[in-house]
Amino acid sequence: MVNLATAADWIAWAALIVSMSVIAWSAFRYVRIEKQKVQQTQFENFYRTLERVHNKDSSLILQRAAIFELRSFPQYKDFIVRLCRDRNSIFPGTAEKVQQELLLTLQHFEKSDE
C-alpha cells in the first residue's frame, strides 16, 4: 500500500492525476476533431459527386457512374432517396439510362431498409 504521509507525496499524486486528466482530455479532443475532419471530407466528396450527377454536359457514362457512386453515401440516404424519387422533375429530358440508374439507386436504398 502506498504511504501518503507527507505533503510531497500528496502533491506528487495530485500532479500525476492532473497530468493524466489533461492527456485524456487532449486525446478526446484530438479524436473528436479528426472525426469532424473526416465528416467534412465525406460531405465534400458527396457534394462533388452531386455536381457530377447534375453535370449534363458530361458523358452519360460519367453521369451514370456518379449516380452509382451515390450508393457509397448511406449517411445521406434520406436526401438521395428524395432525389431519386423526384428524378423526373429534377432531371427532365435526361437519357433513359440516367433515369434507370437513378431508379436502381433508389431501389438500392429501399432494399437496405428491409
PDB file of N, CA and C in Angstrom:
ATOM      1  N   MET A   1       0.836  -1.177   0.000  1.00  0.00           N
ATOM      2  CA  MET A   1       0.000   0.000   0.000  1.00  0.00           C
ATOM      3  C   MET A   1       0.877   1.235   0.000  1.00  0.00           C
ATOM      4  N   VAL A   2       0.464   2.249  -0.687  1.00  0.00           N
ATOM      5  CA  VAL A   2       1.228   3.484  -0.808  1.00  0.00           C
ATOM      6  C   VAL A   2       1.031   4.312   0.461  1.00  0.00           C
ATOM      7  N   ASN A   3       2.116   4.817   0.973  1.00  0.00           N
ATOM      8  CA  ASN A   3       2.065   5.657   2.168  1.00  0.00           C
ATOM      9  C   ASN A   3       1.984   7.117   1.742  1.00  0.00           C
ATOM     10  N   LEU A   4       0.865   7.733   2.025  1.00  0.00           N
ATOM     11  CA  LEU A   4       0.665   9.131   1.637  1.00  0.00           C
ATOM     12  C   LEU A   4       0.800  10.033   2.858  1.00  0.00           C
ATOM     13  N   ALA A   5       1.865   9.851   3.574  1.00  0.00           N
ATOM     14  CA  ALA A   5       2.028  10.550   4.849  1.00  0.00           C
ATOM     15  C   ALA A   5       2.515  11.978   4.682  1.00  0.00           C
ATOM     16  N   THR A   6       3.280  12.219   3.683  1.00  0.00           N
ATOM     17  CA  THR A   6       3.871  13.558   3.588  1.00  0.00           C
ATOM     18  C   THR A   6       3.140  14.404   2.559  1.00  0.00           C
ATOM     19  N   ALA A   7       3.286  15.681   2.683  1.00  0.00           N
ATOM     20  CA  ALA A   7       2.676  16.624   1.756  1.00  0.00           C
ATOM     21  C   ALA A   7       3.268  16.460   0.359  1.00  0.00           C
ATOM     22  N   ALA A   8       4.532  16.110   0.291  1.00  0.00           N
ATOM     23  CA  ALA A   8       5.191  15.913  -1.004  1.00  0.00           C
ATOM     24  C   ALA A   8       4.550  14.743  -1.751  1.00  0.00           C
ATOM     25  N   ASP A   9       4.182  13.705  -1.029  1.00  0.00           N
ATOM     26  CA  ASP A   9       3.510  12.570  -1.667  1.00  0.00           C
ATOM     27  C   ASP A   9       2.151  12.985  -2.229  1.00  0.00           C
ATOM     28  N   TRP A  10       1.419  13.758  -1.470  1.00  0.00           N
ATOM     29  CA  TRP A  10       0.115  14.246  -1.916  1.00  0.00           C
ATOM     30  C   TRP A  10       0.254  15.111  -3.167  1.00  0.00           C
ATOM     31  N   ILE A  11       1.232  15.976  -3.163  1.00  0.00           N
ATOM     32  CA  ILE A  11       1.457  16.854  -4.324  1.00  0.00           C
ATOM     33  C   ILE A  11       1.853  16.023  -5.543  1.00  0.00           C
ATOM     34  N   ALA A  12       2.696  15.026  -5.367  1.00  0.00           N
ATOM     35  CA  ALA A  12       3.131  14.174  -6.476  1.00  0.00           C
ATOM     36  C   ALA A  12       1.935  13.427  -7.059  1.00  0.00           C
ATOM     37  N   TRP A  13       1.078  12.866  -6.208  1.00  0.00           N
ATOM     38  CA  TRP A  13      -0.100  12.155  -6.693  1.00  0.00           C
ATOM     39  C   TRP A  13      -1.076  13.104  -7.391  1.00  0.00           C
ATOM     40  N   ALA A  14      -1.259  14.270  -6.831  1.00  0.00           N
ATOM     41  CA  ALA A  14      -2.156  15.253  -7.454  1.00  0.00           C
ATOM     42  C   ALA A  14      -1.632  15.657  -8.833  1.00  0.00           C
ATOM     43  N   ALA A  15      -0.325  15.863  -8.926  1.00  0.00           N
ATOM     44  CA  ALA A  15       0.275  16.230 -10.211  1.00  0.00           C
ATOM     45  C   ALA A  15       0.095  15.106 -11.228  1.00  0.00           C
ATOM     46  N   LEU A  16       0.239  13.871 -10.781  1.00  0.00           N
ATOM     47  CA  LEU A  16       0.056  12.727 -11.671  1.00  0.00           C
ATOM     48  C   LEU A  16      -1.388  12.658 -12.168  1.00  0.00           C
ATOM     49  N   ILE A  17      -2.332  12.827 -11.266  1.00  0.00           N
ATOM     50  CA  ILE A  17      -3.747  12.765 -11.635  1.00  0.00           C
ATOM     51  C   ILE A  17      -4.109  13.895 -12.588  1.00  0.00           C
ATOM     52  N   VAL A  18      -3.642  15.107 -12.314  1.00  0.00           N
ATOM     53  CA  VAL A  18      -3.916  16.242 -13.198  1.00  0.00           C
ATOM     54  C   VAL A  18      -3.292  16.002 -14.567  1.00  0.00           C
ATOM     55  N   SER A  19      -2.063  15.507 -14.588  1.00  0.00           N
ATOM     56  CA  SER A  19      -1.381  15.252 -15.865  1.00  0.00           C
ATOM     57  C   SER A  19      -2.129  14.201 -16.688  1.00  0.00           C
ATOM     58  N   MET A  20      -2.564  13.131 -16.033  1.00  0.00           N
ATOM     59  CA  MET A  20      -3.303  12.093 -16.740  1.00  0.00           C
ATOM     60  C   MET A  20      -4.645  12.616 -17.254  1.00  0.00           C
ATOM     61  N   SER A  21      -5.281  13.464 -16.473  1.00  0.00           N
ATOM     62  CA  SER A  21      -6.555  14.060 -16.899  1.00  0.00           C
ATOM     63  C   SER A  21      -6.357  14.940 -18.128  1.00  0.00           C
ATOM     64  N   VAL A  22      -5.299  15.729 -18.124  1.00  0.00           N
ATOM     65  CA  VAL A  22      -5.009  16.593 -19.271  1.00  0.00           C
ATOM     66  C   VAL A  22      -4.721  15.756 -20.513  1.00  0.00           C
ATOM     67  N   ILE A  23      -3.972  14.693 -20.369  1.00  0.00           N
ATOM     68  CA  ILE A  23      -3.668  13.815 -21.502  1.00  0.00           C
ATOM     69  C   ILE A  23      -4.941  13.170 -22.037  1.00  0.00           C
ATOM     70  N   ALA A  24      -5.792  12.699 -21.124  1.00  0.00           N
ATOM     71  CA  ALA A  24      -7.044  12.065 -21.551  1.00  0.00           C
ATOM     72  C   ALA A  24      -7.931  13.067 -22.276  1.00  0.00           C
ATOM     73  N   TRP A  25      -8.038  14.279 -21.757  1.00  0.00           N
ATOM     74  CA  TRP A  25      -8.862  15.314 -22.393  1.00  0.00           C
ATOM     75  C   TRP A  25      -8.304  15.667 -23.777  1.00  0.00           C
ATOM     76  N   SER A  26      -6.994  15.798 -23.858  1.00  0.00           N
ATOM     77  CA  SER A  26      -6.366  16.120 -25.147  1.00  0.00           C
ATOM     78  C   SER A  26      -6.614  15.012 -26.166  1.00  0.00           C
ATOM     79  N   ALA A  27      -6.531  13.774 -25.749  1.00  0.00           N
ATOM     80  CA  ALA A  27      -6.780  12.658 -26.654  1.00  0.00           C
ATOM     81  C   ALA A  27      -8.230  12.670 -27.126  1.00  0.00           C
ATOM     82  N   PHE A  28      -9.154  12.932 -26.208  1.00  0.00           N
ATOM     83  CA  PHE A  28     -10.571  13.001 -26.562  1.00  0.00           C
ATOM     84  C   PHE A  28     -10.810  14.106 -27.586  1.00  0.00           C
ATOM     85  N   ARG A  29     -10.241  15.288 -27.358  1.00  0.00           N
ATOM     86  CA  ARG A  29     -10.422  16.409 -28.289  1.00  0.00           C
ATOM     87  C   ARG A  29      -9.801  16.089 -29.645  1.00  0.00           C
ATOM     88  N   TYR A  30      -8.636  15.472 -29.665  1.00  0.00           N
ATOM     89  CA  TYR A  30      -7.976  15.120 -30.915  1.00  0.00           C
ATOM     90  C   TYR A  30      -8.856  14.179 -31.736  1.00  0.00           C
ATOM     91  N   VAL A  31      -9.386  13.145 -31.089  1.00  0.00           N
ATOM     92  CA  VAL A  31     -10.238  12.178 -31.793  1.00  0.00           C
ATOM     93  C   VAL A  31     -11.489  12.867 -32.321  1.00  0.00           C
ATOM     94  N   ARG A  32     -12.090  13.746 -31.522  1.00  0.00           N
ATOM     95  CA  ARG A  32     -13.300  14.447 -31.950  1.00  0.00           C
ATOM     96  C   ARG A  32     -13.018  15.362 -33.152  1.00  0.00           C
ATOM     97  N   ILE A  33     -11.898  16.060 -33.113  1.00  0.00           N
ATOM     98  CA  ILE A  33     -11.539  16.940 -34.232  1.00  0.00           C
ATOM     99  C   ILE A  33     -11.264  16.122 -35.490  1.00  0.00           C
ATOM    100  N   GLU A  34     -10.564  15.012 -35.366  1.00  0.00           N
ATOM    101  CA  GLU A  34     -10.297  14.156 -36.521  1.00  0.00           C
ATOM    102  C   GLU A  34     -11.593  13.592 -37.098  1.00  0.00           C
ATOM    103  N   LYS A  35     -12.531  13.232 -36.235  1.00  0.00           N
ATOM    104  CA  LYS A  35     -13.817  12.726 -36.707  1.00  0.00           C
ATOM    105  C   LYS A  35     -14.556  13.806 -37.487  1.00  0.00           C
ATOM    106  N   GLN A  36     -14.507  15.046 -37.002  1.00  0.00           N
ATOM    107  CA  GLN A  36     -15.147  16.153 -37.714  1.00  0.00           C
ATOM    108  C   GLN A  36     -14.488  16.388 -39.066  1.00  0.00           C
ATOM    109  N   LYS A  37     -13.173  16.249 -39.135  1.00  0.00           N
ATOM    110  CA  LYS A  37     -12.459  16.399 -40.407  1.00  0.00           C
ATOM    111  C   LYS A  37     -12.901  15.331 -41.403  1.00  0.00           C
ATOM    112  N   VAL A  38     -13.033  14.099 -40.926  1.00  0.00           N
ATOM    113  CA  VAL A  38     -13.472  13.006 -41.799  1.00  0.00           C
ATOM    114  C   VAL A  38     -14.890  13.267 -42.300  1.00  0.00           C
ATOM    115  N   GLN A  39     -15.776  13.718 -41.415  1.00  0.00           N
ATOM    116  CA  GLN A  39     -17.151  14.025 -41.820  1.00  0.00           C
ATOM    117  C   GLN A  39     -17.177  15.145 -42.854  1.00  0.00           C
ATOM    118  N   GLN A  40     -16.346  16.163 -42.668  1.00  0.00           N
ATOM    119  CA  GLN A  40     -16.298  17.270 -43.624  1.00  0.00           C
ATOM    120  C   GLN A  40     -15.782  16.791 -44.976  1.00  0.00           C
ATOM    121  N   THR A  41     -14.769  15.953 -44.964  1.00  0.00           N
ATOM    122  CA  THR A  41     -14.233  15.406 -46.212  1.00  0.00           C
ATOM    123  C   THR A  41     -15.279  14.545 -46.924  1.00  0.00           C
ATOM    124  N   GLN A  42     -16.020  13.743 -46.155  1.00  0.00           N
ATOM    125  CA  GLN A  42     -17.071  12.929 -46.757  1.00  0.00           C
ATOM    126  C   GLN A  42     -18.153  13.803 -47.377  1.00  0.00           C
ATOM    127  N   PHE A  43     -18.513  14.892 -46.698  1.00  0.00           N
ATOM    128  CA  PHE A  43     -19.522  15.788 -47.253  1.00  0.00           C
ATOM    129  C   PHE A  43     -19.011  16.439 -48.536  1.00  0.00           C
ATOM    130  N   GLU A  44     -17.757  16.868 -48.541  1.00  0.00           N
ATOM    131  CA  GLU A  44     -17.188  17.478 -49.747  1.00  0.00           C
ATOM    132  C   GLU A  44     -17.180  16.482 -50.903  1.00  0.00           C
ATOM    133  N   ASN A  45     -16.861  15.220 -50.628  1.00  0.00           N
ATOM    134  CA  ASN A  45     -16.903  14.182 -51.674  1.00  0.00           C
ATOM    135  C   ASN A  45     -18.327  13.979 -52.178  1.00  0.00           C
ATOM    136  N   PHE A  46     -19.289  13.970 -51.256  1.00  0.00           N
ATOM    137  CA  PHE A  46     -20.694  13.826 -51.626  1.00  0.00           C
ATOM    138  C   PHE A  46     -21.138  14.997 -52.498  1.00  0.00           C
ATOM    139  N   TYR A  47     -20.751  16.204 -52.113  1.00  0.00           N
ATOM    140  CA  TYR A  47     -21.128  17.396 -52.868  1.00  0.00           C
ATOM    141  C   TYR A  47     -20.544  17.349 -54.282  1.00  0.00           C
ATOM    142  N   ARG A  48     -19.276  16.958 -54.400  1.00  0.00           N
ATOM    143  CA  ARG A  48     -18.653  16.846 -55.733  1.00  0.00           C
ATOM    144  C   ARG A  48     -19.351  15.769 -56.567  1.00  0.00           C
ATOM    145  N   THR A  49     -19.771  14.690 -55.923  1.00  0.00           N
ATOM    146  CA  THR A  49     -20.498  13.637 -56.639  1.00  0.00           C
ATOM    147  C   THR A  49     -21.826  14.174 -57.148  1.00  0.00           C
ATOM    148  N   LEU A  50     -22.518  14.953 -56.323  1.00  0.00           N
ATOM    149  CA  LEU A  50     -23.780  15.561 -56.769  1.00  0.00           C
ATOM    150  C   LEU A  50     -23.556  16.499 -57.956  1.00  0.00           C
ATOM    151  N   GLU A  51     -22.453  17.233 -57.941  1.00  0.00           N
ATOM    152  CA  GLU A  51     -22.141  18.100 -59.084  1.00  0.00           C
ATOM    153  C   GLU A  51     -21.947  17.274 -60.346  1.00  0.00           C
ATOM    154  N   ARG A  52     -21.289  16.129 -60.206  1.00  0.00           N
ATOM    155  CA  ARG A  52     -21.092  15.259 -61.372  1.00  0.00           C
ATOM    156  C   ARG A  52     -22.411  14.639 -61.831  1.00  0.00           C
ATOM    157  N   VAL A  53     -23.299  14.333 -60.881  1.00  0.00           N
ATOM    158  CA  VAL A  53     -24.618  13.792 -61.238  1.00  0.00           C
ATOM    159  C   VAL A  53     -25.383  14.807 -62.069  1.00  0.00           C
ATOM    160  N   HIS A  54     -25.305  16.049 -61.673  1.00  0.00           N
ATOM    161  CA  HIS A  54     -26.114  17.088 -62.322  1.00  0.00           C
ATOM    162  C   HIS A  54     -25.437  17.683 -63.557  1.00  0.00           C
ATOM    163  N   ASN A  55     -24.197  17.335 -63.831  1.00  0.00           N
ATOM    164  CA  ASN A  55     -23.470  17.876 -64.972  1.00  0.00           C
ATOM    165  C   ASN A  55     -23.979  17.231 -66.261  1.00  0.00           C
ATOM    166  N   LYS A  56     -24.887  17.908 -66.902  1.00  0.00           N
ATOM    167  CA  LYS A  56     -25.492  17.365 -68.116  1.00  0.00           C
ATOM    168  C   LYS A  56     -24.554  17.453 -69.320  1.00  0.00           C
ATOM    169  N   ASP A  57     -23.465  18.207 -69.175  1.00  0.00           N
ATOM    170  CA  ASP A  57     -22.513  18.347 -70.272  1.00  0.00           C
ATOM    171  C   ASP A  57     -21.522  17.181 -70.331  1.00  0.00           C
ATOM    172  N   SER A  58     -21.447  16.413 -69.237  1.00  0.00           N
ATOM    173  CA  SER A  58     -20.509  15.283 -69.242  1.00  0.00           C
ATOM    174  C   SER A  58     -21.133  14.100 -69.981  1.00  0.00           C
ATOM    175  N   SER A  59     -20.327  13.108 -70.208  1.00  0.00           N
ATOM    176  CA  SER A  59     -20.833  11.937 -70.921  1.00  0.00           C
ATOM    177  C   SER A  59     -21.826  11.185 -70.041  1.00  0.00           C
ATOM    178  N   LEU A  60     -22.658  10.406 -70.688  1.00  0.00           N
ATOM    179  CA  LEU A  60     -23.644   9.605 -69.960  1.00  0.00           C
ATOM    180  C   LEU A  60     -22.962   8.597 -69.042  1.00  0.00           C
ATOM    181  N   ILE A  61     -21.822   8.090 -69.460  1.00  0.00           N
ATOM    182  CA  ILE A  61     -21.103   7.116 -68.640  1.00  0.00           C
ATOM    183  C   ILE A  61     -20.659   7.759 -67.329  1.00  0.00           C
ATOM    184  N   LEU A  62     -20.098   8.969 -67.412  1.00  0.00           N
ATOM    185  CA  LEU A  62     -19.657   9.656 -66.199  1.00  0.00           C
ATOM    186  C   LEU A  62     -20.833  10.032 -65.313  1.00  0.00           C
ATOM    187  N   GLN A  63     -21.908  10.453 -65.929  1.00  0.00           N
ATOM    188  CA  GLN A  63     -23.090  10.821 -65.151  1.00  0.00           C
ATOM    189  C   GLN A  63     -23.677   9.590 -64.454  1.00  0.00           C
ATOM    190  N   ARG A  64     -23.756   8.486 -65.156  1.00  0.00           N
ATOM    191  CA  ARG A  64     -24.275   7.251 -64.556  1.00  0.00           C
ATOM    192  C   ARG A  64     -23.338   6.748 -63.460  1.00  0.00           C
ATOM    193  N   ALA A  65     -22.039   6.862 -63.682  1.00  0.00           N
ATOM    194  CA  ALA A  65     -21.078   6.441 -62.658  1.00  0.00           C
ATOM    195  C   ALA A  65     -21.232   7.297 -61.397  1.00  0.00           C
ATOM    196  N   ALA A  66     -21.472   8.582 -61.563  1.00  0.00           N
ATOM    197  CA  ALA A  66     -21.676   9.452 -60.408  1.00  0.00           C
ATOM    198  C   ALA A  66     -22.948   9.066 -59.658  1.00  0.00           C
ATOM    199  N   ILE A  67     -23.996   8.733 -60.398  1.00  0.00           N
ATOM    200  CA  ILE A  67     -25.246   8.301 -59.756  1.00  0.00           C
ATOM    201  C   ILE A  67     -25.002   7.002 -58.994  1.00  0.00           C
ATOM    202  N   PHE A  68     -24.266   6.097 -59.591  1.00  0.00           N
ATOM    203  CA  PHE A  68     -23.931   4.839 -58.915  1.00  0.00           C
ATOM    204  C   PHE A  68     -23.126   5.125 -57.648  1.00  0.00           C
ATOM    205  N   GLU A  69     -22.230   6.082 -57.706  1.00  0.00           N
ATOM    206  CA  GLU A  69     -21.380   6.436 -56.560  1.00  0.00           C
ATOM    207  C   GLU A  69     -22.202   6.969 -55.382  1.00  0.00           C
ATOM    208  N   LEU A  70     -23.377   7.494 -55.645  1.00  0.00           N
ATOM    209  CA  LEU A  70     -24.240   7.975 -54.553  1.00  0.00           C
ATOM    210  C   LEU A  70     -24.537   6.863 -53.547  1.00  0.00           C
ATOM    211  N   ARG A  71     -24.475   5.627 -53.986  1.00  0.00           N
ATOM    212  CA  ARG A  71     -24.736   4.492 -53.097  1.00  0.00           C
ATOM    213  C   ARG A  71     -23.669   4.355 -52.021  1.00  0.00           C
ATOM    214  N   SER A  72     -22.551   5.029 -52.202  1.00  0.00           N
ATOM    215  CA  SER A  72     -21.454   4.981 -51.227  1.00  0.00           C
ATOM    216  C   SER A  72     -21.642   5.975 -50.083  1.00  0.00           C
ATOM    217  N   PHE A  73     -22.762   6.673 -50.073  1.00  0.00           N
ATOM    218  CA  PHE A  73     -23.004   7.691 -49.062  1.00  0.00           C
ATOM    219  C   PHE A  73     -24.286   7.387 -48.282  1.00  0.00           C
ATOM    220  N   PRO A  74     -24.306   6.295 -47.525  1.00  0.00           N
ATOM    221  CA  PRO A  74     -25.539   5.948 -46.803  1.00  0.00           C
ATOM    222  C   PRO A  74     -25.931   6.981 -45.753  1.00  0.00           C
ATOM    223  N   GLN A  75     -24.980   7.801 -45.300  1.00  0.00           N
ATOM    224  CA  GLN A  75     -25.312   8.813 -44.306  1.00  0.00           C
ATOM    225  C   GLN A  75     -26.216   9.909 -44.883  1.00  0.00           C
ATOM    226  N   TYR A  76     -26.273  10.016 -46.206  1.00  0.00           N
ATOM    227  CA  TYR A  76     -27.137  10.998 -46.869  1.00  0.00           C
ATOM    228  C   TYR A  76     -28.314  10.310 -47.562  1.00  0.00           C
ATOM    229  N   LYS A  77     -28.660   9.143 -47.072  1.00  0.00           N
ATOM    230  CA  LYS A  77     -29.687   8.308 -47.683  1.00  0.00           C
ATOM    231  C   LYS A  77     -31.012   9.042 -47.858  1.00  0.00           C
ATOM    232  N   ASP A  78     -31.462   9.758 -46.843  1.00  0.00           N
ATOM    233  CA  ASP A  78     -32.760  10.438 -46.930  1.00  0.00           C
ATOM    234  C   ASP A  78     -32.793  11.398 -48.121  1.00  0.00           C
ATOM    235  N   PHE A  79     -31.734  12.168 -48.284  1.00  0.00           N
ATOM    236  CA  PHE A  79     -31.675  13.114 -49.399  1.00  0.00           C
ATOM    237  C   PHE A  79     -31.602  12.387 -50.737  1.00  0.00           C
ATOM    238  N   ILE A  80     -30.775  11.357 -50.812  1.00  0.00           N
ATOM    239  CA  ILE A  80     -30.600  10.626 -52.067  1.00  0.00           C
ATOM    240  C   ILE A  80     -31.911   9.968 -52.487  1.00  0.00           C
ATOM    241  N   VAL A  81     -32.633   9.407 -51.529  1.00  0.00           N
ATOM    242  CA  VAL A  81     -33.921   8.771 -51.845  1.00  0.00           C
ATOM    243  C   VAL A  81     -34.896   9.816 -52.398  1.00  0.00           C
ATOM    244  N   ARG A  82     -34.964  10.986 -51.756  1.00  0.00           N
ATOM    245  CA  ARG A  82     -35.848  12.049 -52.276  1.00  0.00           C
ATOM    246  C   ARG A  82     -35.417  12.483 -53.672  1.00  0.00           C
ATOM    247  N   LEU A  83     -34.118  12.603 -53.883  1.00  0.00           N
ATOM    248  CA  LEU A  83     -33.595  12.995 -55.191  1.00  0.00           C
ATOM    249  C   LEU A  83     -33.999  11.980 -56.253  1.00  0.00           C
ATOM    250  N   CYS A  84     -33.846  10.709 -55.936  1.00  0.00           N
ATOM    251  CA  CYS A  84     -34.175   9.656 -56.902  1.00  0.00           C
ATOM    252  C   CYS A  84     -35.684   9.577 -57.155  1.00  0.00           C
ATOM    253  N   ARG A  85     -36.478   9.793 -56.131  1.00  0.00           N
ATOM    254  CA  ARG A  85     -37.929   9.768 -56.326  1.00  0.00           C
ATOM    255  C   ARG A  85     -38.401  10.933 -57.185  1.00  0.00           C
ATOM    256  N   ASP A  86     -37.734  12.066 -57.090  1.00  0.00           N
ATOM    257  CA  ASP A  86     -38.099  13.246 -57.873  1.00  0.00           C
ATOM    258  C   ASP A  86     -37.315  13.333 -59.174  1.00  0.00           C
ATOM    259  N   ARG A  87     -36.763  12.207 -59.626  1.00  0.00           N
ATOM    260  CA  ARG A  87     -35.872  12.201 -60.787  1.00  0.00           C
ATOM    261  C   ARG A  87     -36.509  12.790 -62.040  1.00  0.00           C
ATOM    262  N   ASN A  88     -37.801  12.582 -62.236  1.00  0.00           N
ATOM    263  CA  ASN A  88     -38.432  13.079 -63.459  1.00  0.00           C
ATOM    264  C   ASN A  88     -38.549  14.601 -63.457  1.00  0.00           C
ATOM    265  N   SER A  89     -38.760  15.195 -62.286  1.00  0.00           N
ATOM    266  CA  SER A  89     -38.865  16.654 -62.239  1.00  0.00           C
ATOM    267  C   SER A  89     -37.499  17.319 -62.100  1.00  0.00           C
ATOM    268  N   ILE A  90     -36.557  16.654 -61.451  1.00  0.00           N
ATOM    269  CA  ILE A  90     -35.220  17.240 -61.268  1.00  0.00           C
ATOM    270  C   ILE A  90     -34.370  17.064 -62.522  1.00  0.00           C
ATOM    271  N   PHE A  91     -34.526  15.940 -63.187  1.00  0.00           N
ATOM    272  CA  PHE A  91     -33.738  15.635 -64.384  1.00  0.00           C
ATOM    273  C   PHE A  91     -34.658  15.436 -65.585  1.00  0.00           C
ATOM    274  N   PRO A  92     -35.445  16.435 -65.947  1.00  0.00           N
ATOM    275  CA  PRO A  92     -36.357  16.237 -67.086  1.00  0.00           C
ATOM    276  C   PRO A  92     -35.573  16.106 -68.390  1.00  0.00           C
ATOM    277  N   GLY A  93     -36.050  15.239 -69.230  1.00  0.00           N
ATOM    278  CA  GLY A  93     -35.446  15.094 -70.552  1.00  0.00           C
ATOM    279  C   GLY A  93     -34.087  14.421 -70.561  1.00  0.00           C
ATOM    280  N   THR A  94     -33.674  13.825 -69.453  1.00  0.00           N
ATOM    281  CA  THR A  94     -32.380  13.135 -69.471  1.00  0.00           C
ATOM    282  C   THR A  94     -32.542  11.761 -70.114  1.00  0.00           C
ATOM    283  N   ALA A  95     -31.431  11.201 -70.458  1.00  0.00           N
ATOM    284  CA  ALA A  95     -31.436   9.903 -71.127  1.00  0.00           C
ATOM    285  C   ALA A  95     -32.094   8.839 -70.251  1.00  0.00           C
ATOM    286  N   GLU A  96     -32.672   7.873 -70.910  1.00  0.00           N
ATOM    287  CA  GLU A  96     -33.358   6.788 -70.198  1.00  0.00           C
ATOM    288  C   GLU A  96     -32.394   6.038 -69.288  1.00  0.00           C
ATOM    289  N   LYS A  97     -31.151   5.897 -69.711  1.00  0.00           N
ATOM    290  CA  LYS A  97     -30.158   5.176 -68.911  1.00  0.00           C
ATOM    291  C   LYS A  97     -29.853   5.918 -67.604  1.00  0.00           C
ATOM    292  N   VAL A  98     -29.854   7.243 -67.650  1.00  0.00           N
ATOM    293  CA  VAL A  98     -29.646   8.033 -66.433  1.00  0.00           C
ATOM    294  C   VAL A  98     -30.828   7.847 -65.495  1.00  0.00           C
ATOM    295  N   GLN A  99     -32.031   7.914 -66.052  1.00  0.00           N
ATOM    296  CA  GLN A  99     -33.234   7.691 -65.245  1.00  0.00           C
ATOM    297  C   GLN A  99     -33.212   6.289 -64.641  1.00  0.00           C
ATOM    298  N   GLN A 100     -32.778   5.311 -65.404  1.00  0.00           N
ATOM    299  CA  GLN A 100     -32.698   3.934 -64.916  1.00  0.00           C
ATOM    300  C   GLN A 100     -31.692   3.820 -63.776  1.00  0.00           C
ATOM    301  N   GLU A 101     -30.566   4.498 -63.899  1.00  0.00           N
ATOM    302  CA  GLU A 101     -29.546   4.444 -62.833  1.00  0.00           C
ATOM    303  C   GLU A 101     -30.069   5.091 -61.553  1.00  0.00           C
ATOM    304  N   LEU A 102     -30.830   6.166 -61.694  1.00  0.00           N
ATOM    305  CA  LEU A 102     -31.452   6.788 -60.526  1.00  0.00           C
ATOM    306  C   LEU A 102     -32.452   5.835 -59.876  1.00  0.00           C
ATOM    307  N   LEU A 103     -33.209   5.142 -60.688  1.00  0.00           N
ATOM    308  CA  LEU A 103     -34.166   4.167 -60.166  1.00  0.00           C
ATOM    309  C   LEU A 103     -33.447   3.027 -59.446  1.00  0.00           C
ATOM    310  N   LEU A 104     -32.360   2.541 -60.014  1.00  0.00           N
ATOM    311  CA  LEU A 104     -31.590   1.474 -59.372  1.00  0.00           C
ATOM    312  C   LEU A 104     -30.989   1.937 -58.047  1.00  0.00           C
ATOM    313  N   THR A 105     -30.562   3.182 -57.999  1.00  0.00           N
ATOM    314  CA  THR A 105     -30.028   3.732 -56.751  1.00  0.00           C
ATOM    315  C   THR A 105     -31.133   3.834 -55.705  1.00  0.00           C
ATOM    316  N   LEU A 106     -32.301   4.254 -56.127  1.00  0.00           N
ATOM    317  CA  LEU A 106     -33.448   4.307 -55.222  1.00  0.00           C
ATOM    318  C   LEU A 106     -33.754   2.907 -54.684  1.00  0.00           C
ATOM    319  N   GLN A 107     -33.783   1.927 -55.564  1.00  0.00           N
ATOM    320  CA  GLN A 107     -34.056   0.554 -55.138  1.00  0.00           C
ATOM    321  C   GLN A 107     -32.983   0.036 -54.180  1.00  0.00           C
ATOM    322  N   HIS A 108     -31.743   0.438 -54.418  1.00  0.00           N
ATOM    323  CA  HIS A 108     -30.642   0.038 -53.537  1.00  0.00           C
ATOM    324  C   HIS A 108     -30.909   0.512 -52.108  1.00  0.00           C
ATOM    325  N   PHE A 109     -31.308   1.763 -51.959  1.00  0.00           N
ATOM    326  CA  PHE A 109     -31.539   2.292 -50.611  1.00  0.00           C
ATOM    327  C   PHE A 109     -32.819   1.758 -50.005  1.00  0.00           C
ATOM    328  N   GLU A 110     -33.832   1.522 -50.820  1.00  0.00           N
ATOM    329  CA  GLU A 110     -35.063   0.963 -50.281  1.00  0.00           C
ATOM    330  C   GLU A 110     -34.857  -0.485 -49.840  1.00  0.00           C
ATOM    331  N   LYS A 111     -34.013  -1.209 -50.568  1.00  0.00           N
ATOM    332  CA  LYS A 111     -33.722  -2.588 -50.209  1.00  0.00           C
ATOM    333  C   LYS A 111     -32.923  -2.649 -48.901  1.00  0.00           C
ATOM    334  N   SER A 112     -32.084  -1.653 -48.670  1.00  0.00           N
ATOM    335  CA  SER A 112     -31.282  -1.649 -47.440  1.00  0.00           C
ATOM    336  C   SER A 112     -32.140  -1.388 -46.211  1.00  0.00           C
ATOM    337  N   ASP A 113     -33.382  -0.903 -46.393  1.00  0.00           N
ATOM    338  CA  ASP A 113     -34.297  -0.702 -45.271  1.00  0.00           C
ATOM    339  C   ASP A 113     -34.868  -2.018 -44.768  1.00  0.00           C
ATOM    340  N   GLU A 114     -34.884  -3.014 -45.616  1.00  0.00           N
ATOM    341  CA  GLU A 114     -35.503  -4.296 -45.268  1.00  0.00           C
ATOM    342  C   GLU A 114     -34.683  -5.061 -44.268  1.00  0.00           C
TER     343      GLU A 114
END
